[in-house]
Structures are given as structure tokens and as C-alpha cells.
């Protein structure tokens, strides 16, 4: 005999909350960065500054990143359907993964061009570089601030925040490059700064790539301990054994759990299921809980091999 219970709760614990709306932040960030990309690229070409062109290219990738993250933040609010039984919540994970990969690809192009300029430096207008990059500090800093409040609870928002925060640092680096060129006349400093910028981008993006990949593979969220969850379920009144425990992210903000509980006394009633789901929500931030109650010696699950515990 097997009984099932599916419980969906939404609150504000860990991964158990609906994503906050950052629609206005996305709109403002996209407009500001689009205008800045056009201005920066134009001045970069006119002043023959590889660091400005590189920064403009990176900002262009950020515009796309913001668009993708914004679309995903809207898709996660779509209701579930017969085909997409969790709605489109997983789109936020795909957006974070896309942005991480795209950012690294764009960085590779910057490294290639900067390396060629380092071998054959081109005269750079240091004053122009400093002025345009200074505007970049303001634009990117304001945009990063718009996403700061959501960076800890949603990896999709965190991706947008990291993009903008990295750009703020990048623009500051470009200002330094322009100043050094003005003082020393060393034009090779420009592509060198571009390489440093690229290294910073790779460093800041690697964690986003790692975390989004892990989420896409339905791994247990890093803030949850599977052993602790298993111990909690096993300690529930009447539970003699536990198997087929699975915990995975439904979206960048919500976590789901399924488990088989062996109970010698039979089904304990709906009250037990509700209490267990509520406890999982409050203790571990798990929003979607599905429990299957089984008698001892019941039929083995065909997927049990390789499942833990």
C-alpha cells in the first residue's frame, strides 16, 4: 500500500519564497546601459581605446544579460499547466546559466583583441578614456544598486547584480588606465588593463557559472544538508525507514522535496503530512513537499537503485 501527499507552501524562508519583482530595476538598467554602450563604443573607436571598446562590448553583453534575466523573472510567474507542471520556474535557472556562459564567451573575445593590441599598441586619448569610463562608473554603480537587495535570495538577480558590480570596477580600472596614459604616454597600458578587466570578469563569473550549472543538474541547494533533512524525516513519529529522498531547485528561489516514508502503523493521516511539510518549510525553506507512505516490506521502487538514503 502506498499513499501520497503533495503539499505546496509559499513563505519567506530560504528558498521558500516567490521572487521579488525587479521589473523597474531591469527597465532602468537596460535603458541606461544601452545608451552608455552606444556612447562608449563611439568614443572608444574615435579615441582608438581598446579598453573603452572592450568595456562597451562587455556592457553590451550586460544589456543582453539584463534582458534575459528580466524575461526569466517574468516567466517564473506563469501558472502551471498540464505540460509544465511546475510552470516555467526553471527558466530562471536557465537564464542564470546562459548569462554565465555568454559572459565568459564575450570575455574570450576581449582577451583576443587586447592581446593583439598589446603586441601592437595604438595611440590612445587618455582624457577621453577617463571621461567616458567615469560616466560608466555612475551608470553601472546605479544599476548594481538597483539589484543589491535581491542578490542573496535569487541567483538570477545575483547574476544581474554581479554583472553590474563588475562593470563598476571595470570602469574604475579604465579611468586608471587613462590617467596612466596621460602621465606616462605608455599606450600599452590600455590593452593591459583590458586583460586585467577580462581576468576580473572571469573570476567574478565563475561562481555564477558553477552555481547555475549545479542548479540545472537538479543538485541539492548548497544551503541545505541532505543528511540533516533525512535525519529530521526519520525522526518523525512512526517513521521506521526512509528512502528515495530527493531535494532539488524548482527555480532560483524555490526548492522541492520527495521522499518515501516507511511506517509500520500505516498511514498516519493528513495532519501528519501537513505538519511535516510545514516543518520542512520552516526549518529548511522547502516549498514543495511530496511524501509517499509505505508499509514495511512493500514493493521496491524501480528507481530506488542508486538513490540515497
C-alpha atoms as a PDB file:
ATOM      1  CA  UNK A   1       0.000   0.000   0.000  1.00  0.00           C
ATOM      2  CA  UNK A   2       1.253   3.457  -0.833  1.00  0.00           C
ATOM      3  CA  UNK A   3      -0.262   6.828  -0.037  1.00  0.00           C
ATOM      4  CA  UNK A   4       0.818  10.142  -1.463  1.00  0.00           C
ATOM      5  CA  UNK A   5       0.635  13.675  -0.193  1.00  0.00           C
ATOM      6  CA  UNK A   6       1.652  16.747  -2.125  1.00  0.00           C
ATOM      7  CA  UNK A   7       1.993  19.986  -0.234  1.00  0.00           C
ATOM      8  CA  UNK A   8       2.814  23.403  -1.710  1.00  0.00           C
ATOM      9  CA  UNK A   9       3.544  26.229   0.697  1.00  0.00           C
ATOM     10  CA  UNK A  10       4.917  29.652  -0.047  1.00  0.00           C
ATOM     11  CA  UNK A  11       6.548  31.828   2.560  1.00  0.00           C
ATOM     12  CA  UNK A  12       9.789  33.670   3.202  1.00  0.00           C
ATOM     13  CA  UNK A  13      12.329  31.123   4.389  1.00  0.00           C
ATOM     14  CA  UNK A  14      15.453  30.159   2.467  1.00  0.00           C
ATOM     15  CA  UNK A  15      14.325  29.054  -0.971  1.00  0.00           C
ATOM     16  CA  UNK A  16      10.684  29.168   0.036  1.00  0.00           C
ATOM     17  CA  UNK A  17       9.622  32.500  -1.373  1.00  0.00           C
ATOM     18  CA  UNK A  18       8.348  33.865  -4.629  1.00  0.00           C
ATOM     19  CA  UNK A  19      10.860  36.040  -6.456  1.00  0.00           C
ATOM     20  CA  UNK A  20      10.530  39.734  -5.754  1.00  0.00           C
ATOM     21  CA  UNK A  21       9.625  41.963  -8.658  1.00  0.00           C
ATOM     22  CA  UNK A  22      12.569  43.858 -10.122  1.00  0.00           C
ATOM     23  CA  UNK A  23      10.750  44.995 -13.265  1.00  0.00           C
ATOM     24  CA  UNK A  24      11.549  48.664 -12.748  1.00  0.00           C
ATOM     25  CA  UNK A  25      15.189  47.882 -11.949  1.00  0.00           C
ATOM     26  CA  UNK A  26      15.517  45.859 -15.143  1.00  0.00           C
ATOM     27  CA  UNK A  27      13.876  48.573 -17.263  1.00  0.00           C
ATOM     28  CA  UNK A  28      16.074  51.346 -15.867  1.00  0.00           C
ATOM     29  CA  UNK A  29      19.216  49.216 -16.100  1.00  0.00           C
ATOM     30  CA  UNK A  30      18.576  48.202 -19.711  1.00  0.00           C
ATOM     31  CA  UNK A  31      17.890  51.771 -20.860  1.00  0.00           C
ATOM     32  CA  UNK A  32      20.893  53.269 -19.035  1.00  0.00           C
ATOM     33  CA  UNK A  33      23.300  50.608 -20.256  1.00  0.00           C
ATOM     34  CA  UNK A  34      22.049  50.669 -23.846  1.00  0.00           C
ATOM     35  CA  UNK A  35      22.610  54.414 -24.101  1.00  0.00           C
ATOM     36  CA  UNK A  36      26.002  54.087 -22.447  1.00  0.00           C
ATOM     37  CA  UNK A  37      27.096  51.276 -24.799  1.00  0.00           C
ATOM     38  CA  UNK A  38      26.432  53.466 -27.835  1.00  0.00           C
ATOM     39  CA  UNK A  39      28.281  56.429 -26.338  1.00  0.00           C
ATOM     40  CA  UNK A  40      31.211  54.384 -25.036  1.00  0.00           C
ATOM     41  CA  UNK A  41      31.696  52.434 -28.261  1.00  0.00           C
ATOM     42  CA  UNK A  42      31.635  55.645 -30.286  1.00  0.00           C
ATOM     43  CA  UNK A  43      34.237  57.342 -28.115  1.00  0.00           C
ATOM     44  CA  UNK A  44      36.286  54.153 -27.976  1.00  0.00           C
ATOM     45  CA  UNK A  45      36.575  53.990 -31.757  1.00  0.00           C
ATOM     46  CA  UNK A  46      37.209  57.716 -32.054  1.00  0.00           C
ATOM     47  CA  UNK A  47      39.957  57.649 -29.420  1.00  0.00           C
ATOM     48  CA  UNK A  48      41.311  54.246 -30.549  1.00  0.00           C
ATOM     49  CA  UNK A  49      40.958  52.955 -26.973  1.00  0.00           C
ATOM     50  CA  UNK A  50      40.786  49.184 -26.765  1.00  0.00           C
ATOM     51  CA  UNK A  51      39.827  49.353 -23.085  1.00  0.00           C
ATOM     52  CA  UNK A  52      36.796  51.521 -23.938  1.00  0.00           C
ATOM     53  CA  UNK A  53      35.777  49.264 -26.817  1.00  0.00           C
ATOM     54  CA  UNK A  54      36.260  46.204 -24.603  1.00  0.00           C
ATOM     55  CA  UNK A  55      34.211  47.773 -21.840  1.00  0.00           C
ATOM     56  CA  UNK A  56      31.497  48.737 -24.340  1.00  0.00           C
ATOM     57  CA  UNK A  57      31.388  45.158 -25.602  1.00  0.00           C
ATOM     58  CA  UNK A  58      31.083  43.900 -22.069  1.00  0.00           C
ATOM     59  CA  UNK A  59      28.327  46.404 -21.348  1.00  0.00           C
ATOM     60  CA  UNK A  60      26.524  45.210 -24.477  1.00  0.00           C
ATOM     61  CA  UNK A  61      26.639  41.678 -23.102  1.00  0.00           C
ATOM     62  CA  UNK A  62      25.223  43.059 -19.874  1.00  0.00           C
ATOM     63  CA  UNK A  63      22.285  44.563 -21.741  1.00  0.00           C
ATOM     64  CA  UNK A  64      21.527  41.127 -23.169  1.00  0.00           C
ATOM     65  CA  UNK A  65      22.072  39.576 -19.744  1.00  0.00           C
ATOM     66  CA  UNK A  66      19.590  42.006 -18.187  1.00  0.00           C
ATOM     67  CA  UNK A  67      17.040  41.282 -20.920  1.00  0.00           C
ATOM     68  CA  UNK A  68      17.365  37.515 -20.446  1.00  0.00           C
ATOM     69  CA  UNK A  69      17.172  37.805 -16.650  1.00  0.00           C
ATOM     70  CA  UNK A  70      14.142  40.079 -16.919  1.00  0.00           C
ATOM     71  CA  UNK A  71      12.314  37.704 -19.259  1.00  0.00           C
ATOM     72  CA  UNK A  72      13.078  34.817 -16.908  1.00  0.00           C
ATOM     73  CA  UNK A  73      11.839  36.784 -13.900  1.00  0.00           C
ATOM     74  CA  UNK A  74       8.534  37.201 -15.719  1.00  0.00           C
ATOM     75  CA  UNK A  75       8.308  33.595 -16.908  1.00  0.00           C
ATOM     76  CA  UNK A  76       8.628  32.227 -13.364  1.00  0.00           C
ATOM     77  CA  UNK A  77       5.300  33.875 -12.516  1.00  0.00           C
ATOM     78  CA  UNK A  78       3.464  31.948 -15.211  1.00  0.00           C
ATOM     79  CA  UNK A  79       0.974  29.435 -13.755  1.00  0.00           C
ATOM     80  CA  UNK A  80       1.483  25.700 -14.045  1.00  0.00           C
ATOM     81  CA  UNK A  81      -0.076  23.846 -16.962  1.00  0.00           C
ATOM     82  CA  UNK A  82      -0.767  20.236 -17.895  1.00  0.00           C
ATOM     83  CA  UNK A  83       2.590  20.073 -19.678  1.00  0.00           C
ATOM     84  CA  UNK A  84       4.666  22.374 -17.460  1.00  0.00           C
ATOM     85  CA  UNK A  85       3.512  21.126 -14.087  1.00  0.00           C
ATOM     86  CA  UNK A  86       5.863  23.468 -12.199  1.00  0.00           C
ATOM     87  CA  UNK A  87       5.065  26.342 -14.515  1.00  0.00           C
ATOM     88  CA  UNK A  88       8.152  27.944 -16.075  1.00  0.00           C
ATOM     89  CA  UNK A  89      10.051  28.414 -12.821  1.00  0.00           C
ATOM     90  CA  UNK A  90      13.104  26.625 -14.226  1.00  0.00           C
ATOM     91  CA  UNK A  91      13.595  29.432 -16.747  1.00  0.00           C
ATOM     92  CA  UNK A  92      15.310  31.480 -14.034  1.00  0.00           C
ATOM     93  CA  UNK A  93      17.968  28.748 -13.704  1.00  0.00           C
ATOM     94  CA  UNK A  94      18.449  28.627 -17.478  1.00  0.00           C
ATOM     95  CA  UNK A  95      18.780  32.425 -17.583  1.00  0.00           C
ATOM     96  CA  UNK A  96      21.499  32.411 -14.923  1.00  0.00           C
ATOM     97  CA  UNK A  97      23.363  29.637 -16.775  1.00  0.00           C
ATOM     98  CA  UNK A  98      23.027  31.432 -20.123  1.00  0.00           C
ATOM     99  CA  UNK A  99      24.319  34.670 -18.685  1.00  0.00           C
ATOM    100  CA  UNK A 100      27.333  32.979 -17.107  1.00  0.00           C
ATOM    101  CA  UNK A 101      28.288  31.208 -20.353  1.00  0.00           C
ATOM    102  CA  UNK A 102      27.646  34.252 -22.524  1.00  0.00           C
ATOM    103  CA  UNK A 103      29.726  36.458 -20.248  1.00  0.00           C
ATOM    104  CA  UNK A 104      32.692  34.092 -20.449  1.00  0.00           C
ATOM    105  CA  UNK A 105      32.433  33.900 -24.250  1.00  0.00           C
ATOM    106  CA  UNK A 106      32.364  37.690 -24.502  1.00  0.00           C
ATOM    107  CA  UNK A 107      35.388  37.835 -22.224  1.00  0.00           C
ATOM    108  CA  UNK A 108      37.262  35.496 -24.537  1.00  0.00           C
ATOM    109  CA  UNK A 109      36.760  37.957 -27.412  1.00  0.00           C
ATOM    110  CA  UNK A 110      38.060  40.805 -25.236  1.00  0.00           C
ATOM    111  CA  UNK A 111      41.170  38.810 -24.350  1.00  0.00           C
ATOM    112  CA  UNK A 112      41.862  38.011 -28.007  1.00  0.00           C
ATOM    113  CA  UNK A 113      41.619  41.624 -29.152  1.00  0.00           C
ATOM    114  CA  UNK A 114      43.514  43.022 -26.163  1.00  0.00           C
ATOM    115  CA  UNK A 115      46.356  40.560 -26.697  1.00  0.00           C
ATOM    116  CA  UNK A 116      46.750  41.674 -30.310  1.00  0.00           C
ATOM    117  CA  UNK A 117      46.776  45.331 -29.226  1.00  0.00           C
ATOM    118  CA  UNK A 118      49.355  44.554 -26.557  1.00  0.00           C
ATOM    119  CA  UNK A 119      51.704  43.287 -29.275  1.00  0.00           C
ATOM    120  CA  UNK A 120      50.999  46.308 -31.469  1.00  0.00           C
ATOM    121  CA  UNK A 121      49.875  49.246 -29.240  1.00  0.00           C
ATOM    122  CA  UNK A 122      47.794  52.034 -30.749  1.00  0.00           C
ATOM    123  CA  UNK A 123      47.874  55.684 -29.549  1.00  0.00           C
ATOM    124  CA  UNK A 124      45.072  56.352 -27.061  1.00  0.00           C
ATOM    125  CA  UNK A 125      43.411  59.595 -25.981  1.00  0.00           C
ATOM    126  CA  UNK A 126      43.773  59.242 -22.216  1.00  0.00           C
ATOM    127  CA  UNK A 127      41.489  62.145 -21.306  1.00  0.00           C
ATOM    128  CA  UNK A 128      38.618  60.796 -23.382  1.00  0.00           C
ATOM    129  CA  UNK A 129      39.075  57.363 -21.867  1.00  0.00           C
ATOM    130  CA  UNK A 130      38.873  58.773 -18.338  1.00  0.00           C
ATOM    131  CA  UNK A 131      35.783  60.888 -19.025  1.00  0.00           C
ATOM    132  CA  UNK A 132      33.745  58.134 -20.675  1.00  0.00           C
ATOM    133  CA  UNK A 133      34.746  55.495 -18.137  1.00  0.00           C
ATOM    134  CA  UNK A 134      33.844  57.918 -15.348  1.00  0.00           C
ATOM    135  CA  UNK A 135      30.292  58.024 -16.689  1.00  0.00           C
ATOM    136  CA  UNK A 136      30.415  54.242 -16.761  1.00  0.00           C
ATOM    137  CA  UNK A 137      31.136  54.110 -13.041  1.00  0.00           C
ATOM    138  CA  UNK A 138      27.962  56.097 -12.404  1.00  0.00           C
ATOM    139  CA  UNK A 139      25.764  54.093 -14.802  1.00  0.00           C
ATOM    140  CA  UNK A 140      26.959  50.682 -13.646  1.00  0.00           C
ATOM    141  CA  UNK A 141      27.009  51.650  -9.978  1.00  0.00           C
ATOM    142  CA  UNK A 142      23.407  52.851 -10.051  1.00  0.00           C
ATOM    143  CA  UNK A 143      22.276  49.715 -11.902  1.00  0.00           C
ATOM    144  CA  UNK A 144      24.086  47.426  -9.435  1.00  0.00           C
ATOM    145  CA  UNK A 145      22.443  49.268  -6.541  1.00  0.00           C
ATOM    146  CA  UNK A 146      19.007  48.589  -8.059  1.00  0.00           C
ATOM    147  CA  UNK A 147      19.595  44.831  -7.779  1.00  0.00           C
ATOM    148  CA  UNK A 148      21.520  44.808  -4.482  1.00  0.00           C
ATOM    149  CA  UNK A 149      18.539  43.871  -2.310  1.00  0.00           C
ATOM    150  CA  UNK A 150      17.837  40.665  -4.264  1.00  0.00           C
ATOM    151  CA  UNK A 151      21.374  39.349  -4.717  1.00  0.00           C
ATOM    152  CA  UNK A 152      21.278  36.891  -1.802  1.00  0.00           C
ATOM    153  CA  UNK A 153      17.919  35.238  -2.383  1.00  0.00           C
ATOM    154  CA  UNK A 154      17.861  34.730  -6.158  1.00  0.00           C
ATOM    155  CA  UNK A 155      20.793  33.616  -8.302  1.00  0.00           C
ATOM    156  CA  UNK A 156      19.095  35.150 -11.360  1.00  0.00           C
ATOM    157  CA  UNK A 157      19.084  38.583  -9.700  1.00  0.00           C
ATOM    158  CA  UNK A 158      22.555  37.870  -8.349  1.00  0.00           C
ATOM    159  CA  UNK A 159      23.755  37.377 -11.911  1.00  0.00           C
ATOM    160  CA  UNK A 160      22.454  40.809 -12.912  1.00  0.00           C
ATOM    161  CA  UNK A 161      23.960  42.357  -9.779  1.00  0.00           C
ATOM    162  CA  UNK A 162      27.390  40.785 -10.348  1.00  0.00           C
ATOM    163  CA  UNK A 163      27.423  41.925 -13.964  1.00  0.00           C
ATOM    164  CA  UNK A 164      26.820  45.498 -12.922  1.00  0.00           C
ATOM    165  CA  UNK A 165      29.148  45.426  -9.923  1.00  0.00           C
ATOM    166  CA  UNK A 166      31.965  44.004 -12.064  1.00  0.00           C
ATOM    167  CA  UNK A 167      31.346  46.718 -14.645  1.00  0.00           C
ATOM    168  CA  UNK A 168      31.660  49.385 -11.975  1.00  0.00           C
ATOM    169  CA  UNK A 169      35.086  48.033 -11.048  1.00  0.00           C
ATOM    170  CA  UNK A 170      35.978  47.680 -14.725  1.00  0.00           C
ATOM    171  CA  UNK A 171      35.130  51.313 -15.442  1.00  0.00           C
ATOM    172  CA  UNK A 172      37.241  52.367 -12.474  1.00  0.00           C
ATOM    173  CA  UNK A 173      40.114  50.378 -13.969  1.00  0.00           C
ATOM    174  CA  UNK A 174      39.692  52.122 -17.304  1.00  0.00           C
ATOM    175  CA  UNK A 175      39.876  55.507 -15.558  1.00  0.00           C
ATOM    176  CA  UNK A 176      43.157  54.436 -14.005  1.00  0.00           C
ATOM    177  CA  UNK A 177      44.430  53.344 -17.428  1.00  0.00           C
ATOM    178  CA  UNK A 178      43.539  56.724 -18.924  1.00  0.00           C
ATOM    179  CA  UNK A 179      45.353  58.530 -16.127  1.00  0.00           C
ATOM    180  CA  UNK A 180      48.492  56.404 -16.535  1.00  0.00           C
ATOM    181  CA  UNK A 181      48.491  57.036 -20.287  1.00  0.00           C
ATOM    182  CA  UNK A 182      48.162  60.779 -19.747  1.00  0.00           C
ATOM    183  CA  UNK A 183      51.034  60.834 -17.262  1.00  0.00           C
ATOM    184  CA  UNK A 184      53.426  58.356 -18.907  1.00  0.00           C
ATOM    185  CA  UNK A 185      52.361  58.165 -22.542  1.00  0.00           C
ATOM    186  CA  UNK A 186      52.544  54.377 -22.359  1.00  0.00           C
ATOM    187  CA  UNK A 187      49.793  53.292 -24.777  1.00  0.00           C
ATOM    188  CA  UNK A 188      50.361  49.607 -23.995  1.00  0.00           C
ATOM    189  CA  UNK A 189      48.737  50.215 -20.613  1.00  0.00           C
ATOM    190  CA  UNK A 190      45.340  50.328 -22.376  1.00  0.00           C
ATOM    191  CA  UNK A 191      45.295  46.709 -23.655  1.00  0.00           C
ATOM    192  CA  UNK A 192      46.992  45.571 -20.452  1.00  0.00           C
ATOM    193  CA  UNK A 193      44.120  46.983 -18.425  1.00  0.00           C
ATOM    194  CA  UNK A 194      41.740  45.192 -20.808  1.00  0.00           C
ATOM    195  CA  UNK A 195      43.399  41.891 -19.923  1.00  0.00           C
ATOM    196  CA  UNK A 196      43.125  42.674 -16.219  1.00  0.00           C
ATOM    197  CA  UNK A 197      39.467  43.538 -16.759  1.00  0.00           C
ATOM    198  CA  UNK A 198      38.931  40.216 -18.523  1.00  0.00           C
ATOM    199  CA  UNK A 199      40.548  38.344 -15.632  1.00  0.00           C
ATOM    200  CA  UNK A 200      38.260  40.108 -13.153  1.00  0.00           C
ATOM    201  CA  UNK A 201      35.203  39.184 -15.218  1.00  0.00           C
ATOM    202  CA  UNK A 202      36.223  35.525 -15.382  1.00  0.00           C
ATOM    203  CA  UNK A 203      36.872  35.479 -11.644  1.00  0.00           C
ATOM    204  CA  UNK A 204      33.543  37.080 -10.760  1.00  0.00           C
ATOM    205  CA  UNK A 205      31.560  34.963 -13.227  1.00  0.00           C
ATOM    206  CA  UNK A 206      32.971  31.554 -12.341  1.00  0.00           C
ATOM    207  CA  UNK A 207      30.861  31.220  -9.208  1.00  0.00           C
ATOM    208  CA  UNK A 208      27.731  32.132 -11.156  1.00  0.00           C
ATOM    209  CA  UNK A 209      28.567  29.501 -13.794  1.00  0.00           C
ATOM    210  CA  UNK A 210      29.227  26.870 -11.131  1.00  0.00           C
ATOM    211  CA  UNK A 211      26.073  27.584  -9.127  1.00  0.00           C
ATOM    212  CA  UNK A 212      23.768  27.806 -12.154  1.00  0.00           C
ATOM    213  CA  UNK A 213      25.186  24.578 -13.607  1.00  0.00           C
ATOM    214  CA  UNK A 214      24.644  22.776 -10.304  1.00  0.00           C
ATOM    215  CA  UNK A 215      21.064  24.050 -10.206  1.00  0.00           C
ATOM    216  CA  UNK A 216      20.443  22.976 -13.811  1.00  0.00           C
ATOM    217  CA  UNK A 217      21.573  19.472 -12.818  1.00  0.00           C
ATOM    218  CA  UNK A 218      18.966  19.411 -10.012  1.00  0.00           C
ATOM    219  CA  UNK A 219      21.555  19.163  -7.245  1.00  0.00           C
ATOM    220  CA  UNK A 220      20.623  19.791  -3.625  1.00  0.00           C
ATOM    221  CA  UNK A 221      20.934  23.565  -2.987  1.00  0.00           C
ATOM    222  CA  UNK A 222      24.187  24.461  -1.254  1.00  0.00           C
ATOM    223  CA  UNK A 223      22.432  25.891   1.792  1.00  0.00           C
ATOM    224  CA  UNK A 224      20.717  22.569   2.547  1.00  0.00           C
ATOM    225  CA  UNK A 225      22.198  19.460   4.200  1.00  0.00           C
ATOM    226  CA  UNK A 226      20.612  16.238   2.839  1.00  0.00           C
ATOM    227  CA  UNK A 227      21.767  14.311   5.911  1.00  0.00           C
ATOM    228  CA  UNK A 228      20.023  16.781   8.216  1.00  0.00           C
ATOM    229  CA  UNK A 229      16.813  16.545   6.199  1.00  0.00           C
ATOM    230  CA  UNK A 230      16.972  12.744   6.225  1.00  0.00           C
ATOM    231  CA  UNK A 231      17.549  12.727   9.985  1.00  0.00           C
ATOM    232  CA  UNK A 232      14.573  15.019  10.525  1.00  0.00           C
ATOM    233  CA  UNK A 233      12.222  12.845   8.443  1.00  0.00           C
ATOM    234  CA  UNK A 234      13.448   9.622  10.035  1.00  0.00           C
ATOM    235  CA  UNK A 235      12.821  11.095  13.492  1.00  0.00           C
ATOM    236  CA  UNK A 236       9.195  11.901  12.696  1.00  0.00           C
ATOM    237  CA  UNK A 237       6.717   9.909  14.849  1.00  0.00           C
ATOM    238  CA  UNK A 238       6.003   6.466  13.410  1.00  0.00           C
ATOM    239  CA  UNK A 239       8.662   6.568  10.674  1.00  0.00           C
ATOM    240  CA  UNK A 240      10.775   3.398  10.716  1.00  0.00           C
ATOM    241  CA  UNK A 241      12.713   3.943   7.487  1.00  0.00           C
ATOM    242  CA  UNK A 242      13.287   6.447   4.716  1.00  0.00           C
ATOM    243  CA  UNK A 243      14.331   6.000   1.111  1.00  0.00           C
ATOM    244  CA  UNK A 244      14.269   7.776  -2.232  1.00  0.00           C
ATOM    245  CA  UNK A 245      14.859  11.217  -0.757  1.00  0.00           C
ATOM    246  CA  UNK A 246      15.286  13.830  -3.474  1.00  0.00           C
ATOM    247  CA  UNK A 247      15.797  17.567  -2.962  1.00  0.00           C
ATOM    248  CA  UNK A 248      16.247  19.894  -5.929  1.00  0.00           C
ATOM    249  CA  UNK A 249      15.705  23.507  -7.019  1.00  0.00           C
ATOM    250  CA  UNK A 250      12.492  24.165  -8.935  1.00  0.00           C
ATOM    251  CA  UNK A 251      13.672  27.695  -9.671  1.00  0.00           C
ATOM    252  CA  UNK A 252      16.381  30.026  -8.422  1.00  0.00           C
ATOM    253  CA  UNK A 253      14.235  30.756  -5.342  1.00  0.00           C
ATOM    254  CA  UNK A 254      12.192  27.603  -4.673  1.00  0.00           C
ATOM    255  CA  UNK A 255      13.108  24.060  -3.588  1.00  0.00           C
ATOM    256  CA  UNK A 256      11.174  20.803  -3.868  1.00  0.00           C
ATOM    257  CA  UNK A 257      11.405  17.512  -1.969  1.00  0.00           C
ATOM    258  CA  UNK A 258      10.099  13.993  -2.492  1.00  0.00           C
ATOM    259  CA  UNK A 259      10.598  11.044  -0.142  1.00  0.00           C
ATOM    260  CA  UNK A 260       9.258   7.589   0.710  1.00  0.00           C
ATOM    261  CA  UNK A 261       8.473   7.079   4.405  1.00  0.00           C
ATOM    262  CA  UNK A 262       8.057   3.553   5.763  1.00  0.00           C
ATOM    263  CA  UNK A 263       5.530   3.491   8.630  1.00  0.00           C
ATOM    264  CA  UNK A 264       4.653   0.206  10.367  1.00  0.00           C
ATOM    265  CA  UNK A 265       1.369   1.558  11.733  1.00  0.00           C
ATOM    266  CA  UNK A 266       0.157   2.578   8.306  1.00  0.00           C
ATOM    267  CA  UNK A 267      -0.906   5.959   7.072  1.00  0.00           C
ATOM    268  CA  UNK A 268      -0.834   8.495   9.948  1.00  0.00           C
ATOM    269  CA  UNK A 269      -3.417  10.829   8.453  1.00  0.00           C
ATOM    270  CA  UNK A 270      -3.315  14.185   6.720  1.00  0.00           C
ATOM    271  CA  UNK A 271      -2.381  16.023   9.896  1.00  0.00           C
ATOM    272  CA  UNK A 272       0.992  14.273   9.934  1.00  0.00           C
ATOM    273  CA  UNK A 273       1.625  15.227   6.311  1.00  0.00           C
ATOM    274  CA  UNK A 274       0.695  18.871   6.849  1.00  0.00           C
ATOM    275  CA  UNK A 275       2.831  19.138   9.992  1.00  0.00           C
ATOM    276  CA  UNK A 276       5.808  17.520   8.265  1.00  0.00           C
ATOM    277  CA  UNK A 277       5.526  19.804   5.237  1.00  0.00           C
ATOM    278  CA  UNK A 278       5.222  22.879   7.471  1.00  0.00           C
ATOM    279  CA  UNK A 279       8.261  21.820   9.483  1.00  0.00           C
ATOM    280  CA  UNK A 280      10.291  21.275   6.301  1.00  0.00           C
ATOM    281  CA  UNK A 281       9.269  24.721   5.110  1.00  0.00           C
ATOM    282  CA  UNK A 282      10.240  26.475   8.341  1.00  0.00           C
ATOM    283  CA  UNK A 283      13.403  24.501   9.078  1.00  0.00           C
ATOM    284  CA  UNK A 284      14.829  24.085   5.594  1.00  0.00           C
ATOM    285  CA  UNK A 285      12.924  26.517   3.344  1.00  0.00           C
ATOM    286  CA  UNK A 286      11.471  23.717   1.177  1.00  0.00           C
ATOM    287  CA  UNK A 287       8.389  24.996  -0.629  1.00  0.00           C
ATOM    288  CA  UNK A 288       7.153  21.866  -2.418  1.00  0.00           C
ATOM    289  CA  UNK A 289       6.953  18.625  -0.430  1.00  0.00           C
ATOM    290  CA  UNK A 290       5.706  15.268  -1.734  1.00  0.00           C
ATOM    291  CA  UNK A 291       5.664  12.314   0.688  1.00  0.00           C
ATOM    292  CA  UNK A 292       4.812   8.698  -0.069  1.00  0.00           C
ATOM    293  CA  UNK A 293       3.764   6.493   2.872  1.00  0.00           C
ATOM    294  CA  UNK A 294       4.610   2.790   2.633  1.00  0.00           C
ATOM    295  CA  UNK A 295       4.087  -0.332   4.748  1.00  0.00           C
ATOM    296  CA  UNK A 296       7.199  -2.297   5.789  1.00  0.00           C
ATOM    297  CA  UNK A 297       8.247  -4.861   3.194  1.00  0.00           C
ATOM    298  CA  UNK A 298       6.338  -3.108   0.461  1.00  0.00           C
ATOM    299  CA  UNK A 299       7.265  -3.306  -3.218  1.00  0.00           C
ATOM    300  CA  UNK A 300      10.628  -1.763  -4.079  1.00  0.00           C
ATOM    301  CA  UNK A 301      10.645   1.411  -6.096  1.00  0.00           C
ATOM    302  CA  UNK A 302      12.004   0.706  -9.614  1.00  0.00           C
ATOM    303  CA  UNK A 303      14.136   3.856  -9.332  1.00  0.00           C
ATOM    304  CA  UNK A 304      15.483   3.022  -5.876  1.00  0.00           C
ATOM    305  CA  UNK A 305      18.824   1.721  -7.099  1.00  0.00           C
ATOM    306  CA  UNK A 306      21.373   4.441  -6.646  1.00  0.00           C
ATOM    307  CA  UNK A 307      19.033   6.682  -4.647  1.00  0.00           C
ATOM    308  CA  UNK A 308      20.037   7.915  -1.214  1.00  0.00           C
ATOM    309  CA  UNK A 309      19.495   7.348   1.599  1.00  0.00           C
END
